[in-house]
Structures are given as structure tokens and as C-alpha cells.
PDB file of N, CA and C in Angstrom:
ATOM      1  N   UNK A   1       1.977 -18.132  -3.340  1.00  0.00           N
ATOM      2  CA  UNK A   1       2.758 -17.587  -4.420  1.00  0.00           C
ATOM      3  C   UNK A   1       3.880 -16.754  -3.804  1.00  0.00           C
ATOM      4  N   UNK A   2       5.076 -16.985  -4.213  1.00  0.00           N
ATOM      5  CA  UNK A   2       6.223 -16.264  -3.682  1.00  0.00           C
ATOM      6  C   UNK A   2       6.857 -15.465  -4.809  1.00  0.00           C
ATOM      7  N   UNK A   3       6.774 -14.149  -4.701  1.00  0.00           N
ATOM      8  CA  UNK A   3       7.347 -13.278  -5.722  1.00  0.00           C
ATOM      9  C   UNK A   3       8.445 -12.419  -5.132  1.00  0.00           C
ATOM     10  N   UNK A   4       8.826 -11.424  -5.894  1.00  0.00           N
ATOM     11  CA  UNK A   4       9.842 -10.463  -5.478  1.00  0.00           C
ATOM     12  C   UNK A   4       9.169  -9.108  -5.274  1.00  0.00           C
ATOM     13  N   UNK A   5       9.860  -8.185  -4.623  1.00  0.00           N
ATOM     14  CA  UNK A   5       9.305  -6.855  -4.387  1.00  0.00           C
ATOM     15  C   UNK A   5       8.955  -6.185  -5.711  1.00  0.00           C
ATOM     16  N   UNK A   6       9.826  -6.311  -6.717  1.00  0.00           N
ATOM     17  CA  UNK A   6       9.570  -5.650  -7.996  1.00  0.00           C
ATOM     18  C   UNK A   6       8.732  -6.496  -8.957  1.00  0.00           C
ATOM     19  N   UNK A   7       8.502  -7.756  -8.633  1.00  0.00           N
ATOM     20  CA  UNK A   7       7.640  -8.608  -9.447  1.00  0.00           C
ATOM     21  C   UNK A   7       6.995  -9.665  -8.559  1.00  0.00           C
ATOM     22  N   UNK A   8       5.802  -9.355  -8.018  1.00  0.00           N
ATOM     23  CA  UNK A   8       5.143 -10.293  -7.112  1.00  0.00           C
ATOM     24  C   UNK A   8       4.478 -11.479  -7.813  1.00  0.00           C
ATOM     25  N   UNK A   9       4.583 -11.531  -9.131  1.00  0.00           N
ATOM     26  CA  UNK A   9       4.038 -12.629  -9.929  1.00  0.00           C
ATOM     27  C   UNK A   9       2.512 -12.684  -9.924  1.00  0.00           C
ATOM     28  N   UNK A  10       1.873 -11.550  -9.779  1.00  0.00           N
ATOM     29  CA  UNK A  10       0.419 -11.474  -9.843  1.00  0.00           C
ATOM     30  C   UNK A  10      -0.008 -11.198 -11.283  1.00  0.00           C
ATOM     31  N   UNK A  11      -1.196 -11.631 -11.675  1.00  0.00           N
ATOM     32  CA  UNK A  11      -1.694 -11.282 -13.004  1.00  0.00           C
ATOM     33  C   UNK A  11      -2.071  -9.797 -13.067  1.00  0.00           C
ATOM     34  N   UNK A  12      -1.737  -9.119 -14.151  1.00  0.00           N
ATOM     35  CA  UNK A  12      -1.985  -7.686 -14.303  1.00  0.00           C
ATOM     36  C   UNK A  12      -3.477  -7.362 -14.301  1.00  0.00           C
ATOM     37  N   UNK A  13      -3.834  -6.303 -13.549  1.00  0.00           N
ATOM     38  CA  UNK A  13      -5.203  -5.770 -13.497  1.00  0.00           C
ATOM     39  C   UNK A  13      -6.258  -6.802 -13.094  1.00  0.00           C
ATOM     40  N   UNK A  14      -5.878  -7.781 -12.263  1.00  0.00           N
ATOM     41  CA  UNK A  14      -6.800  -8.849 -11.879  1.00  0.00           C
ATOM     42  C   UNK A  14      -7.165  -8.866 -10.393  1.00  0.00           C
ATOM     43  N   UNK A  15      -6.408  -8.191  -9.555  1.00  0.00           N
ATOM     44  CA  UNK A  15      -6.631  -8.291  -8.111  1.00  0.00           C
ATOM     45  C   UNK A  15      -7.632  -7.253  -7.615  1.00  0.00           C
ATOM     46  N   UNK A  16      -8.478  -7.671  -6.673  1.00  0.00           N
ATOM     47  CA  UNK A  16      -9.435  -6.768  -6.038  1.00  0.00           C
ATOM     48  C   UNK A  16      -8.805  -6.009  -4.876  1.00  0.00           C
ATOM     49  N   UNK A  17      -7.786  -6.596  -4.270  1.00  0.00           N
ATOM     50  CA  UNK A  17      -7.098  -5.949  -3.152  1.00  0.00           C
ATOM     51  C   UNK A  17      -5.766  -6.629  -2.883  1.00  0.00           C
ATOM     52  N   UNK A  18      -4.910  -5.882  -2.207  1.00  0.00           N
ATOM     53  CA  UNK A  18      -3.653  -6.406  -1.684  1.00  0.00           C
ATOM     54  C   UNK A  18      -3.658  -6.087  -0.198  1.00  0.00           C
ATOM     55  N   UNK A  19      -3.331  -7.066   0.623  1.00  0.00           N
ATOM     56  CA  UNK A  19      -3.252  -6.870   2.072  1.00  0.00           C
ATOM     57  C   UNK A  19      -1.830  -7.211   2.509  1.00  0.00           C
ATOM     58  N   UNK A  20      -1.218  -6.291   3.231  1.00  0.00           N
ATOM     59  CA  UNK A  20       0.129  -6.529   3.759  1.00  0.00           C
ATOM     60  C   UNK A  20       0.085  -6.335   5.275  1.00  0.00           C
ATOM     61  N   UNK A  21       0.610  -7.307   6.001  1.00  0.00           N
ATOM     62  CA  UNK A  21       0.589  -7.259   7.461  1.00  0.00           C
ATOM     63  C   UNK A  21       2.002  -7.393   7.999  1.00  0.00           C
ATOM     64  N   UNK A  22       2.415  -6.441   8.823  1.00  0.00           N
ATOM     65  CA  UNK A  22       3.693  -6.443   9.536  1.00  0.00           C
ATOM     66  C   UNK A  22       4.915  -6.561   8.627  1.00  0.00           C
ATOM     67  N   UNK A  23       4.897  -5.932   7.468  1.00  0.00           N
ATOM     68  CA  UNK A  23       6.061  -6.001   6.578  1.00  0.00           C
ATOM     69  C   UNK A  23       6.410  -4.660   5.958  1.00  0.00           C
ATOM     70  N   UNK A  24       5.466  -3.745   5.844  1.00  0.00           N
ATOM     71  CA  UNK A  24       5.669  -2.504   5.099  1.00  0.00           C
ATOM     72  C   UNK A  24       6.816  -1.668   5.662  1.00  0.00           C
ATOM     73  N   UNK A  25       7.020  -1.723   6.966  1.00  0.00           N
ATOM     74  CA  UNK A  25       8.085  -0.929   7.587  1.00  0.00           C
ATOM     75  C   UNK A  25       9.475  -1.378   7.130  1.00  0.00           C
ATOM     76  N   UNK A  26       9.591  -2.587   6.607  1.00  0.00           N
ATOM     77  CA  UNK A  26      10.885  -3.092   6.144  1.00  0.00           C
ATOM     78  C   UNK A  26      11.254  -2.598   4.744  1.00  0.00           C
ATOM     79  N   UNK A  27      10.304  -1.998   4.043  1.00  0.00           N
ATOM     80  CA  UNK A  27      10.557  -1.552   2.671  1.00  0.00           C
ATOM     81  C   UNK A  27      11.236  -0.188   2.682  1.00  0.00           C
ATOM     82  N   UNK A  28      12.358  -0.076   2.014  1.00  0.00           N
ATOM     83  CA  UNK A  28      13.046   1.209   1.940  1.00  0.00           C
ATOM     84  C   UNK A  28      12.390   2.128   0.910  1.00  0.00           C
ATOM     85  N   UNK A  29      11.709   1.562  -0.066  1.00  0.00           N
ATOM     86  CA  UNK A  29      11.047   2.333  -1.129  1.00  0.00           C
ATOM     87  C   UNK A  29       9.555   2.028  -1.138  1.00  0.00           C
ATOM     88  N   UNK A  30       8.860   2.484  -0.101  1.00  0.00           N
ATOM     89  CA  UNK A  30       7.430   2.165   0.030  1.00  0.00           C
ATOM     90  C   UNK A  30       6.611   2.722  -1.125  1.00  0.00           C
ATOM     91  N   UNK A  31       6.876   3.951  -1.535  1.00  0.00           N
ATOM     92  CA  UNK A  31       6.112   4.543  -2.642  1.00  0.00           C
ATOM     93  C   UNK A  31       6.326   3.754  -3.929  1.00  0.00           C
ATOM     94  N   UNK A  32       7.541   3.308  -4.169  1.00  0.00           N
ATOM     95  CA  UNK A  32       7.828   2.514  -5.370  1.00  0.00           C
ATOM     96  C   UNK A  32       7.073   1.189  -5.326  1.00  0.00           C
ATOM     97  N   UNK A  33       6.994   0.579  -4.142  1.00  0.00           N
ATOM     98  CA  UNK A  33       6.251  -0.675  -4.014  1.00  0.00           C
ATOM     99  C   UNK A  33       4.767  -0.444  -4.296  1.00  0.00           C
ATOM    100  N   UNK A  34       4.194   0.634  -3.732  1.00  0.00           N
ATOM    101  CA  UNK A  34       2.787   0.946  -3.971  1.00  0.00           C
ATOM    102  C   UNK A  34       2.528   1.196  -5.457  1.00  0.00           C
ATOM    103  N   UNK A  35       3.415   1.930  -6.083  1.00  0.00           N
ATOM    104  CA  UNK A  35       3.263   2.214  -7.512  1.00  0.00           C
ATOM    105  C   UNK A  35       3.308   0.924  -8.326  1.00  0.00           C
ATOM    106  N   UNK A  36       4.216   0.048  -7.980  1.00  0.00           N
ATOM    107  CA  UNK A  36       4.327  -1.238  -8.661  1.00  0.00           C
ATOM    108  C   UNK A  36       3.069  -2.083  -8.446  1.00  0.00           C
ATOM    109  N   UNK A  37       2.522  -2.064  -7.240  1.00  0.00           N
ATOM    110  CA  UNK A  37       1.329  -2.858  -6.919  1.00  0.00           C
ATOM    111  C   UNK A  37       0.128  -2.428  -7.759  1.00  0.00           C
ATOM    112  N   UNK A  38       0.083  -1.164  -8.146  1.00  0.00           N
ATOM    113  CA  UNK A  38      -1.029  -0.664  -8.969  1.00  0.00           C
ATOM    114  C   UNK A  38      -1.218  -1.472 -10.242  1.00  0.00           C
ATOM    115  N   UNK A  39      -0.127  -1.952 -10.823  1.00  0.00           N
ATOM    116  CA  UNK A  39      -0.201  -2.698 -12.095  1.00  0.00           C
ATOM    117  C   UNK A  39      -1.065  -3.949 -11.993  1.00  0.00           C
ATOM    118  N   UNK A  40      -1.192  -4.486 -10.810  1.00  0.00           N
ATOM    119  CA  UNK A  40      -1.874  -5.768 -10.614  1.00  0.00           C
ATOM    120  C   UNK A  40      -3.315  -5.615 -10.134  1.00  0.00           C
ATOM    121  N   UNK A  41      -3.701  -4.392  -9.804  1.00  0.00           N
ATOM    122  CA  UNK A  41      -5.008  -4.143  -9.213  1.00  0.00           C
ATOM    123  C   UNK A  41      -6.012  -3.597 -10.222  1.00  0.00           C
ATOM    124  N   UNK A  42      -7.252  -4.017 -10.062  1.00  0.00           N
ATOM    125  CA  UNK A  42      -8.344  -3.455 -10.855  1.00  0.00           C
ATOM    126  C   UNK A  42      -8.545  -1.998 -10.444  1.00  0.00           C
ATOM    127  N   UNK A  43      -9.173  -1.197 -11.300  1.00  0.00           N
ATOM    128  CA  UNK A  43      -9.503   0.182 -10.950  1.00  0.00           C
ATOM    129  C   UNK A  43     -10.396   0.188  -9.718  1.00  0.00           C
ATOM    130  N   UNK A  44     -10.091   1.065  -8.778  1.00  0.00           N
ATOM    131  CA  UNK A  44     -10.855   1.163  -7.543  1.00  0.00           C
ATOM    132  C   UNK A  44     -10.476   0.140  -6.491  1.00  0.00           C
ATOM    133  N   UNK A  45      -9.578  -0.790  -6.829  1.00  0.00           N
ATOM    134  CA  UNK A  45      -9.154  -1.828  -5.873  1.00  0.00           C
ATOM    135  C   UNK A  45      -8.365  -1.206  -4.725  1.00  0.00           C
ATOM    136  N   UNK A  46      -8.299  -1.916  -3.614  1.00  0.00           N
ATOM    137  CA  UNK A  46      -7.659  -1.391  -2.415  1.00  0.00           C
ATOM    138  C   UNK A  46      -6.335  -2.038  -2.074  1.00  0.00           C
ATOM    139  N   UNK A  47      -5.491  -1.231  -1.444  1.00  0.00           N
ATOM    140  CA  UNK A  47      -4.240  -1.704  -0.850  1.00  0.00           C
ATOM    141  C   UNK A  47      -4.380  -1.432   0.643  1.00  0.00           C
ATOM    142  N   UNK A  48      -4.318  -2.474   1.437  1.00  0.00           N
ATOM    143  CA  UNK A  48      -4.475  -2.365   2.883  1.00  0.00           C
ATOM    144  C   UNK A  48      -3.173  -2.780   3.559  1.00  0.00           C
ATOM    145  N   UNK A  49      -2.609  -1.875   4.331  1.00  0.00           N
ATOM    146  CA  UNK A  49      -1.366  -2.145   5.046  1.00  0.00           C
ATOM    147  C   UNK A  49      -1.649  -2.037   6.536  1.00  0.00           C
ATOM    148  N   UNK A  50      -1.286  -3.075   7.270  1.00  0.00           N
ATOM    149  CA  UNK A  50      -1.378  -3.082   8.729  1.00  0.00           C
ATOM    150  C   UNK A  50       0.037  -3.257   9.254  1.00  0.00           C
ATOM    151  N   UNK A  51       0.468  -2.331  10.099  1.00  0.00           N
ATOM    152  CA  UNK A  51       1.832  -2.422  10.604  1.00  0.00           C
ATOM    153  C   UNK A  51       1.918  -1.773  11.972  1.00  0.00           C
ATOM    154  N   UNK A  52       2.677  -2.354  12.862  1.00  0.00           N
ATOM    155  CA  UNK A  52       2.803  -1.858  14.228  1.00  0.00           C
ATOM    156  C   UNK A  52       4.055  -1.063  14.499  1.00  0.00           C
ATOM    157  N   UNK A  53       4.849  -0.806  13.487  1.00  0.00           N
ATOM    158  CA  UNK A  53       6.077  -0.039  13.664  1.00  0.00           C
ATOM    159  C   UNK A  53       5.762   1.448  13.531  1.00  0.00           C
ATOM    160  N   UNK A  54       5.202   2.019  14.590  1.00  0.00           N
ATOM    161  CA  UNK A  54       4.689   3.391  14.549  1.00  0.00           C
ATOM    162  C   UNK A  54       5.744   4.419  14.164  1.00  0.00           C
ATOM    163  N   UNK A  55       7.004   4.166  14.423  1.00  0.00           N
ATOM    164  CA  UNK A  55       8.055   5.125  14.070  1.00  0.00           C
ATOM    165  C   UNK A  55       8.169   5.324  12.565  1.00  0.00           C
ATOM    166  N   UNK A  56       7.652   4.388  11.777  1.00  0.00           N
ATOM    167  CA  UNK A  56       7.750   4.444  10.324  1.00  0.00           C
ATOM    168  C   UNK A  56       6.500   5.003   9.661  1.00  0.00           C
ATOM    169  N   UNK A  57       5.479   5.347  10.444  1.00  0.00           N
ATOM    170  CA  UNK A  57       4.213   5.765   9.867  1.00  0.00           C
ATOM    171  C   UNK A  57       3.688   7.040  10.498  1.00  0.00           C
ATOM    172  N   UNK A  58       3.033   7.822   9.690  1.00  0.00           N
ATOM    173  CA  UNK A  58       2.285   8.995  10.124  1.00  0.00           C
ATOM    174  C   UNK A  58       1.383   9.376   8.963  1.00  0.00           C
ATOM    175  N   UNK A  59       0.447  10.252   9.213  1.00  0.00           N
ATOM    176  CA  UNK A  59      -0.443  10.724   8.145  1.00  0.00           C
ATOM    177  C   UNK A  59       0.377  11.410   7.051  1.00  0.00           C
ATOM    178  N   UNK A  60       1.366  12.186   7.438  1.00  0.00           N
ATOM    179  CA  UNK A  60       2.206  12.894   6.470  1.00  0.00           C
ATOM    180  C   UNK A  60       2.992  11.924   5.593  1.00  0.00           C
ATOM    181  N   UNK A  61       3.533  10.884   6.196  1.00  0.00           N
ATOM    182  CA  UNK A  61       4.283   9.875   5.438  1.00  0.00           C
ATOM    183  C   UNK A  61       3.340   9.130   4.496  1.00  0.00           C
ATOM    184  N   UNK A  62       2.151   8.771   4.978  1.00  0.00           N
ATOM    185  CA  UNK A  62       1.178   8.063   4.144  1.00  0.00           C
ATOM    186  C   UNK A  62       0.744   8.926   2.963  1.00  0.00           C
ATOM    187  N   UNK A  63       0.504  10.216   3.214  1.00  0.00           N
ATOM    188  CA  UNK A  63       0.138  11.135   2.131  1.00  0.00           C
ATOM    189  C   UNK A  63       1.247  11.213   1.082  1.00  0.00           C
ATOM    190  N   UNK A  64       2.475  11.342   1.526  1.00  0.00           N
ATOM    191  CA  UNK A  64       3.616  11.443   0.610  1.00  0.00           C
ATOM    192  C   UNK A  64       3.772  10.170  -0.210  1.00  0.00           C
ATOM    193  N   UNK A  65       3.715   9.012   0.454  1.00  0.00           N
ATOM    194  CA  UNK A  65       3.843   7.731  -0.255  1.00  0.00           C
ATOM    195  C   UNK A  65       2.744   7.564  -1.296  1.00  0.00           C
ATOM    196  N   UNK A  66       1.508   7.875  -0.924  1.00  0.00           N
ATOM    197  CA  UNK A  66       0.377   7.729  -1.846  1.00  0.00           C
ATOM    198  C   UNK A  66       0.522   8.668  -3.039  1.00  0.00           C
ATOM    199  N   UNK A  67       0.890   9.913  -2.780  1.00  0.00           N
ATOM    200  CA  UNK A  67       1.064  10.887  -3.868  1.00  0.00           C
ATOM    201  C   UNK A  67       2.156  10.426  -4.837  1.00  0.00           C
ATOM    202  N   UNK A  68       3.280   9.994  -4.310  1.00  0.00           N
ATOM    203  CA  UNK A  68       4.387   9.536  -5.158  1.00  0.00           C
ATOM    204  C   UNK A  68       4.011   8.286  -5.948  1.00  0.00           C
ATOM    205  N   UNK A  69       3.156   7.450  -5.373  1.00  0.00           N
ATOM    206  CA  UNK A  69       2.780   6.189  -6.022  1.00  0.00           C
ATOM    207  C   UNK A  69       1.613   6.360  -6.993  1.00  0.00           C
ATOM    208  N   UNK A  70       0.935   7.505  -6.922  1.00  0.00           N
ATOM    209  CA  UNK A  70      -0.214   7.711  -7.793  1.00  0.00           C
ATOM    210  C   UNK A  70      -1.453   6.958  -7.346  1.00  0.00           C
ATOM    211  N   UNK A  71      -1.561   6.709  -6.044  1.00  0.00           N
ATOM    212  CA  UNK A  71      -2.769   6.093  -5.496  1.00  0.00           C
ATOM    213  C   UNK A  71      -3.461   7.121  -4.601  1.00  0.00           C
ATOM    214  N   UNK A  72      -4.710   6.872  -4.300  1.00  0.00           N
ATOM    215  CA  UNK A  72      -5.499   7.788  -3.472  1.00  0.00           C
ATOM    216  C   UNK A  72      -5.538   7.249  -2.043  1.00  0.00           C
ATOM    217  N   UNK A  73      -5.010   8.018  -1.109  1.00  0.00           N
ATOM    218  CA  UNK A  73      -5.064   7.624   0.297  1.00  0.00           C
ATOM    219  C   UNK A  73      -6.487   7.800   0.804  1.00  0.00           C
ATOM    220  N   UNK A  74      -7.064   6.716   1.318  1.00  0.00           N
ATOM    221  CA  UNK A  74      -8.439   6.733   1.818  1.00  0.00           C
ATOM    222  C   UNK A  74      -8.445   6.858   3.334  1.00  0.00           C
ATOM    223  N   UNK A  75      -7.516   6.171   3.969  1.00  0.00           N
ATOM    224  CA  UNK A  75      -7.494   6.152   5.430  1.00  0.00           C
ATOM    225  C   UNK A  75      -6.087   5.881   5.923  1.00  0.00           C
ATOM    226  N   UNK A  76      -5.729   6.576   6.969  1.00  0.00           N
ATOM    227  CA  UNK A  76      -4.471   6.321   7.673  1.00  0.00           C
ATOM    228  C   UNK A  76      -4.745   6.614   9.137  1.00  0.00           C
ATOM    229  N   UNK A  77      -4.806   5.575   9.933  1.00  0.00           N
ATOM    230  CA  UNK A  77      -5.147   5.778  11.338  1.00  0.00           C
ATOM    231  C   UNK A  77      -4.452   4.767  12.231  1.00  0.00           C
ATOM    232  N   UNK A  78      -4.262   5.193  13.449  1.00  0.00           N
ATOM    233  CA  UNK A  78      -3.698   4.327  14.465  1.00  0.00           C
ATOM    234  C   UNK A  78      -4.848   3.596  15.136  1.00  0.00           C
ATOM    235  N   UNK A  79      -4.839   2.269  15.074  1.00  0.00           N
ATOM    236  CA  UNK A  79      -5.912   1.437  15.613  1.00  0.00           C
ATOM    237  C   UNK A  79      -5.437   0.835  16.937  1.00  0.00           C
ATOM    238  N   UNK A  80      -6.233   0.938  17.939  1.00  0.00           N
ATOM    239  CA  UNK A  80      -5.918   0.398  19.270  1.00  0.00           C
ATOM    240  C   UNK A  80      -4.605   0.945  19.821  1.00  0.00           C
ATOM    241  N   UNK A  81      -4.236   2.137  19.393  1.00  0.00           N
ATOM    242  CA  UNK A  81      -3.064   2.807  19.943  1.00  0.00           C
ATOM    243  C   UNK A  81      -1.722   2.270  19.511  1.00  0.00           C
ATOM    244  N   UNK A  82      -1.690   1.243  18.640  1.00  0.00           N
ATOM    245  CA  UNK A  82      -0.385   0.694  18.279  1.00  0.00           C
ATOM    246  C   UNK A  82      -0.286   0.115  16.875  1.00  0.00           C
ATOM    247  N   UNK A  83      -1.387  -0.060  16.198  1.00  0.00           N
ATOM    248  CA  UNK A  83      -1.359  -0.688  14.880  1.00  0.00           C
ATOM    249  C   UNK A  83      -1.850   0.306  13.832  1.00  0.00           C
ATOM    250  N   UNK A  84      -0.986   0.621  12.864  1.00  0.00           N
ATOM    251  CA  UNK A  84      -1.381   1.537  11.797  1.00  0.00           C
ATOM    252  C   UNK A  84      -2.170   0.799  10.731  1.00  0.00           C
ATOM    253  N   UNK A  85      -3.253   1.415  10.307  1.00  0.00           N
ATOM    254  CA  UNK A  85      -4.018   0.959   9.152  1.00  0.00           C
ATOM    255  C   UNK A  85      -3.840   2.017   8.076  1.00  0.00           C
ATOM    256  N   UNK A  86      -3.379   1.602   6.932  1.00  0.00           N
ATOM    257  CA  UNK A  86      -3.063   2.483   5.818  1.00  0.00           C
ATOM    258  C   UNK A  86      -3.820   1.917   4.631  1.00  0.00           C
ATOM    259  N   UNK A  87      -4.868   2.615   4.195  1.00  0.00           N
ATOM    260  CA  UNK A  87      -5.698   2.133   3.090  1.00  0.00           C
ATOM    261  C   UNK A  87      -5.601   3.112   1.935  1.00  0.00           C
ATOM    262  N   UNK A  88      -5.300   2.600   0.766  1.00  0.00           N
ATOM    263  CA  UNK A  88      -5.290   3.430  -0.429  1.00  0.00           C
ATOM    264  C   UNK A  88      -6.025   2.703  -1.541  1.00  0.00           C
ATOM    265  N   UNK A  89      -6.424   3.458  -2.548  1.00  0.00           N
ATOM    266  CA  UNK A  89      -7.186   2.921  -3.671  1.00  0.00           C
ATOM    267  C   UNK A  89      -6.514   3.342  -4.974  1.00  0.00           C
ATOM    268  N   UNK A  90      -6.631   2.463  -5.956  1.00  0.00           N
ATOM    269  CA  UNK A  90      -6.153   2.781  -7.282  1.00  0.00           C
ATOM    270  C   UNK A  90      -7.065   3.871  -7.841  1.00  0.00           C
ATOM    271  N   UNK A  91      -6.476   4.940  -8.347  1.00  0.00           N
ATOM    272  CA  UNK A  91      -7.262   6.024  -8.936  1.00  0.00           C
ATOM    273  C   UNK A  91      -7.965   5.521 -10.188  1.00  0.00           C
ATOM    274  N   UNK A  92      -9.132   6.053 -10.449  1.00  0.00           N
ATOM    275  CA  UNK A  92      -9.911   5.545 -11.585  1.00  0.00           C
ATOM    276  C   UNK A  92      -9.221   5.739 -12.922  1.00  0.00           C
ATOM    277  N   UNK A  93      -8.318   6.670 -13.057  1.00  0.00           N
ATOM    278  CA  UNK A  93      -7.602   6.859 -14.310  1.00  0.00           C
ATOM    279  C   UNK A  93      -6.315   6.052 -14.417  1.00  0.00           C
ATOM    280  N   UNK A  94      -5.973   5.291 -13.384  1.00  0.00           N
ATOM    281  CA  UNK A  94      -4.676   4.572 -13.364  1.00  0.00           C
ATOM    282  C   UNK A  94      -4.759   3.231 -14.047  1.00  0.00           C
TER     283      UNK A  94
END
């Protein structure tokens, strides 16, 4: 399925998770993308981002993006010294 950043063409409230690999660093509005992704996820569903562009990620940036998007940051860690794992969950009231 090929969608757009603002409309990925997913069915609303139907997805258990979204996984993004090696692309998140290219988004200029990461919080807006996360907020938009919430519309397609079931309550408690996860958003998993894996990205190796360490200059674009930190715990502080992940916290800010999650807060602005209205998702709960569960994990943000550097794996194997070069790959960021950024996991957030849809809040139960969202």
C-alpha cells in the first residue's frame, strides 16, 4: 500500500502497530506524523521507529515528539551503538 505522509491510506483504528525503518529522520514534522498515525491505531497499539541517523534522535527529542503527538513514549534507546529504537504507544484515552 502506498500512501502519503498525511494520508497513509490505512483503515481508521484498525492497526495493531506501525513499524518504520530508516525513514523517520527524513520527516521535518515528526510529531505531526506521529499524531496523524494515531488515527489508524487501536488503543494501546505501538509505533516502532528504527533509525540510524543518530544526529536526529535523542531521549529529549523523542520525549518532545511524543508529547506533541499525544502518544506515550515507552522506550528510546540506542541499540548496538548506532541504531535508535523509538517505541511509543497510543494513550488509552486517544
